[in-house]
């Protein structure tokens, strides 16, 4: 069992024990977090669903991200990923949500936000924590690393 699968199972157990529900709002991970949760038997008892919000219109119209923040900060930013996480709890009616937004690569990076830059947030609808990560140049690895870090951040958030 790899670390992602192991951590996803831990999250499932924690959520089941507390009667909590989970949703995801994923941009750069493209549904990989939801995929890894739903690989686990019994995940339907805690996982309501996810939004793959690649387009800014989806971030705004479904997750409630403010257009001003997208224009000013860009999609790969703290305010946007935090609003994505909060918005997912509301849109999907869950106790907690985790969100990702980043530059998976190999293109699309800039000096300010190079390939491998990923923002991850976890929220309970009101409180939120977020972190910025800088992974590497490889798209698949960036998606896998962001998924694992999202699980770690979510676990940290629900344990406090």
N, C-alpha and C. Protein backbone atom coordinates (compact mmCIF):
# COMPACT_ATOMS: atom_id res chain seq x y z
N UNK A 1 0.85 -1.19 0.00
CA UNK A 1 0.00 0.00 0.00
C UNK A 1 0.89 1.24 0.00
N UNK A 2 0.62 2.17 -0.93
CA UNK A 2 1.44 3.37 -0.97
C UNK A 2 0.92 4.42 0.03
N UNK A 3 1.70 5.48 0.19
CA UNK A 3 1.40 6.51 1.19
C UNK A 3 0.06 7.21 0.90
N UNK A 4 -0.26 7.43 -0.38
CA UNK A 4 -1.52 8.10 -0.72
C UNK A 4 -2.70 7.23 -0.31
N UNK A 5 -2.64 5.95 -0.65
CA UNK A 5 -3.72 5.03 -0.29
C UNK A 5 -3.85 4.89 1.23
N UNK A 6 -2.72 4.78 1.89
CA UNK A 6 -2.70 4.65 3.36
C UNK A 6 -3.33 5.89 4.02
N UNK A 7 -2.96 7.07 3.55
CA UNK A 7 -3.47 8.32 4.14
C UNK A 7 -4.95 8.50 3.82
N UNK A 8 -5.37 8.13 2.62
CA UNK A 8 -6.80 8.21 2.25
C UNK A 8 -7.62 7.30 3.17
N UNK A 9 -7.11 6.11 3.45
CA UNK A 9 -7.81 5.18 4.35
C UNK A 9 -7.91 5.74 5.77
N UNK A 10 -6.83 6.39 6.24
CA UNK A 10 -6.85 7.02 7.56
C UNK A 10 -7.93 8.10 7.62
N UNK A 11 -8.01 8.91 6.56
CA UNK A 11 -9.02 9.97 6.50
C UNK A 11 -10.41 9.36 6.54
N UNK A 12 -10.63 8.32 5.76
CA UNK A 12 -11.92 7.65 5.74
C UNK A 12 -12.31 7.17 7.15
N UNK A 13 -11.38 6.58 7.85
CA UNK A 13 -11.65 6.09 9.22
C UNK A 13 -11.98 7.23 10.17
N UNK A 14 -11.20 8.31 10.10
CA UNK A 14 -11.44 9.48 10.96
C UNK A 14 -12.84 10.06 10.68
N UNK A 15 -13.17 10.21 9.40
CA UNK A 15 -14.46 10.78 9.01
C UNK A 15 -15.61 9.88 9.43
N UNK A 16 -15.48 8.57 9.22
CA UNK A 16 -16.53 7.63 9.63
C UNK A 16 -16.76 7.69 11.14
N UNK A 17 -15.67 7.69 11.90
CA UNK A 17 -15.75 7.70 13.37
C UNK A 17 -16.45 8.95 13.90
N UNK A 18 -16.32 10.06 13.17
CA UNK A 18 -16.90 11.33 13.62
C UNK A 18 -18.21 11.69 12.92
N UNK A 19 -18.64 10.90 11.96
CA UNK A 19 -19.86 11.20 11.22
C UNK A 19 -19.73 12.39 10.30
N UNK A 20 -18.51 12.64 9.82
CA UNK A 20 -18.24 13.78 8.95
C UNK A 20 -18.38 13.38 7.48
N UNK A 21 -18.57 14.40 6.64
CA UNK A 21 -18.61 14.19 5.19
C UNK A 21 -17.54 15.04 4.53
N UNK A 22 -17.15 14.62 3.33
CA UNK A 22 -16.06 15.26 2.60
C UNK A 22 -16.47 15.56 1.16
N UNK A 23 -15.96 16.69 0.66
CA UNK A 23 -16.07 17.02 -0.75
C UNK A 23 -14.73 17.55 -1.22
N UNK A 24 -14.56 17.61 -2.54
CA UNK A 24 -13.32 18.12 -3.11
C UNK A 24 -13.62 19.20 -4.15
N UNK A 25 -12.68 20.12 -4.30
CA UNK A 25 -12.71 21.13 -5.36
C UNK A 25 -11.33 21.10 -5.98
N UNK A 26 -11.21 20.50 -7.15
CA UNK A 26 -9.91 20.26 -7.74
C UNK A 26 -9.73 20.97 -9.06
N UNK A 27 -8.60 21.65 -9.17
CA UNK A 27 -8.23 22.20 -10.46
C UNK A 27 -7.05 21.39 -11.00
N UNK A 28 -5.85 21.65 -10.53
CA UNK A 28 -4.67 20.99 -11.10
C UNK A 28 -4.63 19.48 -10.88
N UNK A 29 -5.34 18.96 -9.90
CA UNK A 29 -5.33 17.51 -9.65
C UNK A 29 -6.40 16.79 -10.47
N UNK A 30 -7.27 17.52 -11.13
CA UNK A 30 -8.20 16.95 -12.10
C UNK A 30 -9.08 15.80 -11.61
N UNK A 31 -9.41 15.77 -10.34
CA UNK A 31 -10.25 14.70 -9.82
C UNK A 31 -9.47 13.56 -9.17
N UNK A 32 -8.15 13.70 -9.11
CA UNK A 32 -7.32 12.62 -8.55
C UNK A 32 -7.55 12.40 -7.06
N UNK A 33 -7.86 13.47 -6.32
CA UNK A 33 -8.15 13.32 -4.89
C UNK A 33 -9.44 12.51 -4.73
N UNK A 34 -10.47 12.91 -5.46
CA UNK A 34 -11.75 12.18 -5.41
C UNK A 34 -11.54 10.73 -5.84
N UNK A 35 -10.76 10.52 -6.87
CA UNK A 35 -10.48 9.17 -7.37
C UNK A 35 -9.84 8.32 -6.28
N UNK A 36 -8.86 8.87 -5.58
CA UNK A 36 -8.17 8.11 -4.54
C UNK A 36 -9.05 7.83 -3.33
N UNK A 37 -9.99 8.72 -3.04
CA UNK A 37 -10.95 8.47 -1.95
C UNK A 37 -11.90 7.36 -2.37
N UNK A 38 -12.41 7.44 -3.59
CA UNK A 38 -13.43 6.48 -4.03
C UNK A 38 -12.86 5.10 -4.37
N UNK A 39 -11.56 4.96 -4.40
CA UNK A 39 -10.95 3.64 -4.56
C UNK A 39 -11.17 2.78 -3.30
N UNK A 40 -11.46 3.43 -2.18
CA UNK A 40 -11.58 2.73 -0.90
C UNK A 40 -13.02 2.24 -0.70
N UNK A 41 -13.19 0.94 -0.45
CA UNK A 41 -14.53 0.43 -0.16
C UNK A 41 -15.13 1.16 1.05
N UNK A 42 -16.38 1.55 0.93
CA UNK A 42 -17.06 2.25 2.02
C UNK A 42 -16.94 3.76 1.96
N UNK A 43 -16.24 4.28 0.95
CA UNK A 43 -16.05 5.72 0.85
C UNK A 43 -17.35 6.48 0.63
N UNK A 44 -18.36 5.80 0.09
CA UNK A 44 -19.64 6.48 -0.17
C UNK A 44 -20.31 6.95 1.13
N UNK A 45 -19.91 6.39 2.26
CA UNK A 45 -20.50 6.81 3.53
C UNK A 45 -20.00 8.18 3.98
N UNK A 46 -18.87 8.64 3.42
CA UNK A 46 -18.34 9.94 3.84
C UNK A 46 -18.14 10.92 2.68
N UNK A 47 -18.04 10.42 1.44
CA UNK A 47 -17.71 11.28 0.30
C UNK A 47 -18.95 11.65 -0.49
N UNK A 48 -19.30 12.95 -0.46
CA UNK A 48 -20.48 13.43 -1.19
C UNK A 48 -20.21 13.66 -2.67
N UNK A 49 -19.00 14.12 -3.00
CA UNK A 49 -18.68 14.39 -4.38
C UNK A 49 -17.60 15.43 -4.53
N UNK A 50 -17.29 15.74 -5.78
CA UNK A 50 -16.24 16.71 -6.06
C UNK A 50 -16.54 17.52 -7.29
N UNK A 51 -15.87 18.65 -7.37
CA UNK A 51 -15.98 19.54 -8.52
C UNK A 51 -14.58 19.67 -9.12
N UNK A 52 -14.45 19.31 -10.39
CA UNK A 52 -13.20 19.55 -11.10
C UNK A 52 -13.39 20.89 -11.80
N UNK A 53 -12.78 21.91 -11.22
CA UNK A 53 -13.02 23.28 -11.67
C UNK A 53 -11.81 23.83 -12.42
N UNK A 54 -11.58 23.30 -13.60
CA UNK A 54 -10.48 23.77 -14.43
C UNK A 54 -10.74 25.19 -14.92
N UNK A 55 -11.95 25.46 -15.34
CA UNK A 55 -12.29 26.78 -15.87
C UNK A 55 -12.64 27.75 -14.75
N UNK A 56 -12.24 29.00 -14.91
CA UNK A 56 -12.57 30.02 -13.92
C UNK A 56 -14.07 30.19 -13.76
N UNK A 57 -14.84 29.98 -14.84
CA UNK A 57 -16.30 30.09 -14.77
C UNK A 57 -16.86 29.08 -13.76
N UNK A 58 -16.29 27.90 -13.72
CA UNK A 58 -16.74 26.87 -12.77
C UNK A 58 -16.36 27.28 -11.35
N UNK A 59 -15.16 27.82 -11.20
CA UNK A 59 -14.74 28.30 -9.88
C UNK A 59 -15.72 29.35 -9.37
N UNK A 60 -16.13 30.25 -10.25
CA UNK A 60 -17.05 31.33 -9.85
C UNK A 60 -18.48 30.84 -9.68
N UNK A 61 -19.00 30.16 -10.69
CA UNK A 61 -20.43 29.82 -10.71
C UNK A 61 -20.83 28.68 -9.80
N UNK A 62 -19.94 27.73 -9.56
CA UNK A 62 -20.29 26.59 -8.71
C UNK A 62 -19.69 26.73 -7.32
N UNK A 63 -18.44 27.22 -7.24
CA UNK A 63 -17.75 27.28 -5.95
C UNK A 63 -17.79 28.65 -5.28
N UNK A 64 -18.29 29.65 -5.99
CA UNK A 64 -18.45 30.98 -5.39
C UNK A 64 -17.17 31.80 -5.28
N UNK A 65 -16.17 31.48 -6.09
CA UNK A 65 -14.94 32.26 -6.09
C UNK A 65 -15.23 33.63 -6.70
N UNK A 66 -14.72 34.68 -6.05
CA UNK A 66 -14.95 36.05 -6.52
C UNK A 66 -14.12 36.33 -7.78
N UNK A 67 -14.79 36.91 -8.79
CA UNK A 67 -14.09 37.22 -10.04
C UNK A 67 -12.94 38.20 -9.81
N UNK A 68 -13.11 39.13 -8.85
CA UNK A 68 -12.05 40.10 -8.56
C UNK A 68 -10.77 39.41 -8.11
N UNK A 69 -10.93 38.35 -7.29
CA UNK A 69 -9.75 37.62 -6.80
C UNK A 69 -9.08 36.85 -7.93
N UNK A 70 -9.87 36.28 -8.82
CA UNK A 70 -9.30 35.58 -9.97
C UNK A 70 -8.53 36.56 -10.86
N UNK A 71 -9.09 37.75 -11.08
CA UNK A 71 -8.44 38.75 -11.91
C UNK A 71 -7.18 39.30 -11.26
N UNK A 72 -7.27 39.61 -9.97
CA UNK A 72 -6.16 40.24 -9.25
C UNK A 72 -5.05 39.24 -8.91
N UNK A 73 -5.43 38.07 -8.37
CA UNK A 73 -4.44 37.11 -7.85
C UNK A 73 -4.14 35.97 -8.80
N UNK A 74 -5.08 35.66 -9.71
CA UNK A 74 -4.95 34.50 -10.58
C UNK A 74 -5.54 33.27 -9.91
N UNK A 75 -5.79 32.25 -10.73
CA UNK A 75 -6.42 31.03 -10.21
C UNK A 75 -5.51 30.29 -9.23
N UNK A 76 -4.20 30.41 -9.43
CA UNK A 76 -3.24 29.73 -8.56
C UNK A 76 -2.82 30.71 -7.48
N UNK A 77 -3.66 30.80 -6.43
CA UNK A 77 -3.41 31.76 -5.35
C UNK A 77 -4.13 31.33 -4.08
N UNK A 78 -3.68 31.88 -2.97
CA UNK A 78 -4.30 31.58 -1.67
C UNK A 78 -5.78 31.96 -1.63
N UNK A 79 -6.16 33.21 -1.99
CA UNK A 79 -7.58 33.55 -1.87
C UNK A 79 -8.49 32.66 -2.70
N UNK A 80 -8.03 32.29 -3.90
CA UNK A 80 -8.87 31.47 -4.78
C UNK A 80 -9.02 30.06 -4.22
N UNK A 81 -7.92 29.42 -3.82
CA UNK A 81 -8.03 28.04 -3.33
C UNK A 81 -8.81 27.99 -2.01
N UNK A 82 -8.69 29.02 -1.18
CA UNK A 82 -9.47 29.05 0.06
C UNK A 82 -10.96 29.18 -0.23
N UNK A 83 -11.31 30.02 -1.20
CA UNK A 83 -12.73 30.16 -1.58
C UNK A 83 -13.25 28.87 -2.23
N UNK A 84 -12.38 28.18 -2.97
CA UNK A 84 -12.78 26.90 -3.56
C UNK A 84 -13.14 25.89 -2.46
N UNK A 85 -12.31 25.81 -1.44
CA UNK A 85 -12.55 24.86 -0.35
C UNK A 85 -13.83 25.21 0.41
N UNK A 86 -13.98 26.48 0.75
CA UNK A 86 -15.21 26.90 1.44
C UNK A 86 -16.44 26.66 0.56
N UNK A 87 -16.31 27.00 -0.71
CA UNK A 87 -17.43 26.85 -1.65
C UNK A 87 -17.84 25.40 -1.84
N UNK A 88 -16.88 24.49 -1.80
CA UNK A 88 -17.20 23.06 -1.96
C UNK A 88 -18.04 22.55 -0.78
N UNK A 89 -17.75 23.02 0.42
CA UNK A 89 -18.56 22.57 1.57
C UNK A 89 -20.00 23.02 1.41
N UNK A 90 -20.18 24.21 0.87
CA UNK A 90 -21.55 24.72 0.66
C UNK A 90 -22.23 24.03 -0.53
N UNK A 91 -21.55 23.99 -1.67
CA UNK A 91 -22.14 23.44 -2.89
C UNK A 91 -22.48 21.95 -2.75
N UNK A 92 -21.65 21.23 -1.99
CA UNK A 92 -21.82 19.78 -1.88
C UNK A 92 -22.30 19.35 -0.49
N UNK A 93 -22.62 20.34 0.35
CA UNK A 93 -23.20 20.09 1.67
C UNK A 93 -22.39 19.10 2.49
N UNK A 94 -21.12 19.46 2.75
CA UNK A 94 -20.24 18.59 3.52
C UNK A 94 -19.66 19.28 4.74
N UNK A 95 -19.19 18.47 5.66
CA UNK A 95 -18.55 18.97 6.87
C UNK A 95 -17.21 19.61 6.54
N UNK A 96 -16.46 18.97 5.64
CA UNK A 96 -15.14 19.44 5.25
C UNK A 96 -14.95 19.33 3.75
N UNK A 97 -14.01 20.14 3.24
CA UNK A 97 -13.62 20.04 1.83
C UNK A 97 -12.13 20.31 1.72
N UNK A 98 -11.56 19.79 0.67
CA UNK A 98 -10.16 20.08 0.34
C UNK A 98 -10.12 20.55 -1.11
N UNK A 99 -9.25 21.53 -1.38
CA UNK A 99 -9.19 22.13 -2.72
C UNK A 99 -7.74 22.28 -3.18
N UNK A 100 -7.56 22.21 -4.51
CA UNK A 100 -6.24 22.40 -5.11
C UNK A 100 -6.33 23.32 -6.31
N UNK A 101 -5.29 24.12 -6.49
CA UNK A 101 -5.15 24.93 -7.70
C UNK A 101 -3.66 25.12 -7.93
N UNK A 102 -3.21 24.81 -9.15
CA UNK A 102 -1.78 24.91 -9.39
C UNK A 102 -1.42 24.85 -10.86
N UNK A 103 -0.12 24.87 -11.08
CA UNK A 103 0.44 24.77 -12.43
C UNK A 103 1.08 23.39 -12.53
N UNK A 104 0.34 22.44 -13.08
CA UNK A 104 0.81 21.05 -13.13
C UNK A 104 1.95 20.86 -14.13
N UNK A 105 1.94 21.63 -15.22
CA UNK A 105 3.02 21.54 -16.20
C UNK A 105 2.67 20.65 -17.37
N UNK A 106 3.56 20.47 -18.31
CA UNK A 106 4.91 21.05 -18.33
C UNK A 106 4.94 22.52 -18.73
N UNK A 107 3.86 23.03 -19.31
CA UNK A 107 3.80 24.45 -19.67
C UNK A 107 2.93 25.22 -18.69
N UNK A 108 2.75 26.50 -18.99
CA UNK A 108 1.84 27.32 -18.20
C UNK A 108 2.46 28.06 -17.04
N UNK A 109 3.71 27.81 -16.74
CA UNK A 109 4.35 28.48 -15.62
C UNK A 109 4.81 29.88 -15.98
N UNK A 110 5.18 30.63 -14.95
CA UNK A 110 5.74 31.97 -15.13
C UNK A 110 6.82 32.16 -14.07
N UNK A 111 7.51 33.28 -14.12
CA UNK A 111 8.55 33.56 -13.12
C UNK A 111 7.92 33.62 -11.72
N UNK A 112 6.72 34.20 -11.65
CA UNK A 112 6.02 34.35 -10.37
C UNK A 112 5.41 33.03 -9.89
N UNK A 113 4.91 32.24 -10.85
CA UNK A 113 4.27 30.96 -10.53
C UNK A 113 4.83 29.89 -11.47
N UNK A 114 6.01 29.37 -11.12
CA UNK A 114 6.63 28.37 -11.99
C UNK A 114 5.85 27.05 -12.00
N UNK A 115 6.11 26.24 -13.01
CA UNK A 115 5.52 24.90 -13.07
C UNK A 115 5.82 24.19 -11.75
N UNK A 116 4.82 23.54 -11.20
CA UNK A 116 4.97 22.85 -9.92
C UNK A 116 4.43 23.65 -8.75
N UNK A 117 4.02 24.90 -8.98
CA UNK A 117 3.42 25.71 -7.91
C UNK A 117 1.99 25.24 -7.69
N UNK A 118 1.67 24.88 -6.44
CA UNK A 118 0.33 24.39 -6.11
C UNK A 118 -0.11 24.99 -4.77
N UNK A 119 -1.32 25.51 -4.76
CA UNK A 119 -1.97 25.95 -3.51
C UNK A 119 -2.99 24.88 -3.12
N UNK A 120 -3.00 24.53 -1.84
CA UNK A 120 -3.94 23.54 -1.31
C UNK A 120 -4.61 24.14 -0.09
N UNK A 121 -5.92 23.94 0.04
CA UNK A 121 -6.66 24.44 1.19
C UNK A 121 -7.61 23.37 1.70
N UNK A 122 -7.86 23.42 3.01
CA UNK A 122 -8.88 22.57 3.64
C UNK A 122 -9.78 23.50 4.45
N UNK A 123 -11.09 23.18 4.47
CA UNK A 123 -12.04 24.06 5.13
C UNK A 123 -13.20 23.27 5.74
N UNK A 124 -13.81 23.88 6.75
CA UNK A 124 -15.05 23.35 7.31
C UNK A 124 -16.21 24.27 6.97
N UNK A 125 -16.00 25.14 5.99
CA UNK A 125 -17.04 26.07 5.56
C UNK A 125 -16.87 27.46 6.12
N UNK A 126 -16.24 27.56 7.29
CA UNK A 126 -15.96 28.88 7.87
C UNK A 126 -14.45 29.06 8.06
N UNK A 127 -13.83 28.14 8.78
CA UNK A 127 -12.38 28.19 8.96
C UNK A 127 -11.71 27.54 7.76
N UNK A 128 -10.48 27.98 7.50
CA UNK A 128 -9.75 27.41 6.37
C UNK A 128 -8.25 27.49 6.65
N UNK A 129 -7.51 26.50 6.21
CA UNK A 129 -6.06 26.59 6.21
C UNK A 129 -5.59 26.33 4.79
N UNK A 130 -4.48 26.97 4.43
CA UNK A 130 -3.95 26.77 3.09
C UNK A 130 -2.43 26.83 3.13
N UNK A 131 -1.83 26.17 2.16
CA UNK A 131 -0.38 26.16 2.02
C UNK A 131 -0.01 26.18 0.56
N UNK A 132 1.14 26.78 0.30
CA UNK A 132 1.70 26.81 -1.05
C UNK A 132 2.83 25.79 -1.12
N UNK A 133 2.86 25.03 -2.20
CA UNK A 133 3.89 24.03 -2.42
C UNK A 133 4.58 24.30 -3.75
N UNK A 134 5.82 23.89 -3.84
CA UNK A 134 6.54 23.96 -5.10
C UNK A 134 7.08 22.56 -5.36
N UNK A 135 6.46 21.88 -6.31
CA UNK A 135 6.87 20.53 -6.67
C UNK A 135 7.85 20.63 -7.84
N UNK A 136 7.80 19.71 -8.78
CA UNK A 136 8.78 19.69 -9.86
C UNK A 136 8.22 20.06 -11.21
N UNK A 137 8.83 19.53 -12.24
CA UNK A 137 8.47 19.86 -13.63
C UNK A 137 7.55 18.83 -14.28
N UNK A 138 7.39 17.67 -13.66
CA UNK A 138 6.64 16.57 -14.25
C UNK A 138 5.17 16.60 -13.86
N UNK A 139 4.30 16.70 -14.83
CA UNK A 139 2.85 16.82 -14.61
C UNK A 139 2.28 15.72 -13.72
N UNK A 140 2.53 14.46 -14.10
CA UNK A 140 1.96 13.34 -13.34
C UNK A 140 2.45 13.34 -11.90
N UNK A 141 3.74 13.58 -11.71
CA UNK A 141 4.30 13.65 -10.35
C UNK A 141 3.68 14.80 -9.56
N UNK A 142 3.49 15.94 -10.20
CA UNK A 142 2.89 17.10 -9.52
C UNK A 142 1.47 16.77 -9.05
N UNK A 143 0.72 16.08 -9.89
CA UNK A 143 -0.65 15.70 -9.53
C UNK A 143 -0.63 14.72 -8.35
N UNK A 144 0.27 13.75 -8.41
CA UNK A 144 0.37 12.76 -7.33
C UNK A 144 0.84 13.40 -6.02
N UNK A 145 1.84 14.28 -6.10
CA UNK A 145 2.35 14.95 -4.90
C UNK A 145 1.30 15.87 -4.30
N UNK A 146 0.58 16.59 -5.15
CA UNK A 146 -0.47 17.50 -4.67
C UNK A 146 -1.60 16.70 -4.00
N UNK A 147 -1.93 15.55 -4.55
CA UNK A 147 -2.96 14.69 -3.94
C UNK A 147 -2.55 14.25 -2.55
N UNK A 148 -1.33 13.77 -2.41
CA UNK A 148 -0.84 13.33 -1.09
C UNK A 148 -0.79 14.49 -0.11
N UNK A 149 -0.28 15.64 -0.54
CA UNK A 149 -0.22 16.80 0.36
C UNK A 149 -1.61 17.29 0.74
N UNK A 150 -2.57 17.16 -0.17
CA UNK A 150 -3.95 17.54 0.15
C UNK A 150 -4.49 16.64 1.27
N UNK A 151 -4.19 15.35 1.19
CA UNK A 151 -4.61 14.43 2.26
C UNK A 151 -3.94 14.79 3.58
N UNK A 152 -2.65 15.09 3.55
CA UNK A 152 -1.93 15.48 4.78
C UNK A 152 -2.53 16.75 5.38
N UNK A 153 -2.80 17.75 4.54
CA UNK A 153 -3.34 19.01 5.03
C UNK A 153 -4.74 18.82 5.60
N UNK A 154 -5.56 18.03 4.92
CA UNK A 154 -6.91 17.74 5.41
C UNK A 154 -6.85 17.04 6.77
N UNK A 155 -5.99 16.05 6.88
CA UNK A 155 -5.83 15.31 8.13
C UNK A 155 -5.40 16.23 9.27
N UNK A 156 -4.45 17.10 8.98
CA UNK A 156 -3.97 18.09 9.96
C UNK A 156 -5.12 19.01 10.39
N UNK A 157 -5.90 19.48 9.43
CA UNK A 157 -6.98 20.41 9.72
C UNK A 157 -8.06 19.77 10.58
N UNK A 158 -8.48 18.56 10.27
CA UNK A 158 -9.57 17.94 11.03
C UNK A 158 -9.14 17.48 12.42
N UNK A 159 -7.83 17.32 12.63
CA UNK A 159 -7.34 16.88 13.93
C UNK A 159 -7.20 18.01 14.94
N UNK A 160 -7.27 19.28 14.44
CA UNK A 160 -7.09 20.37 15.42
C UNK A 160 -8.38 20.79 16.09
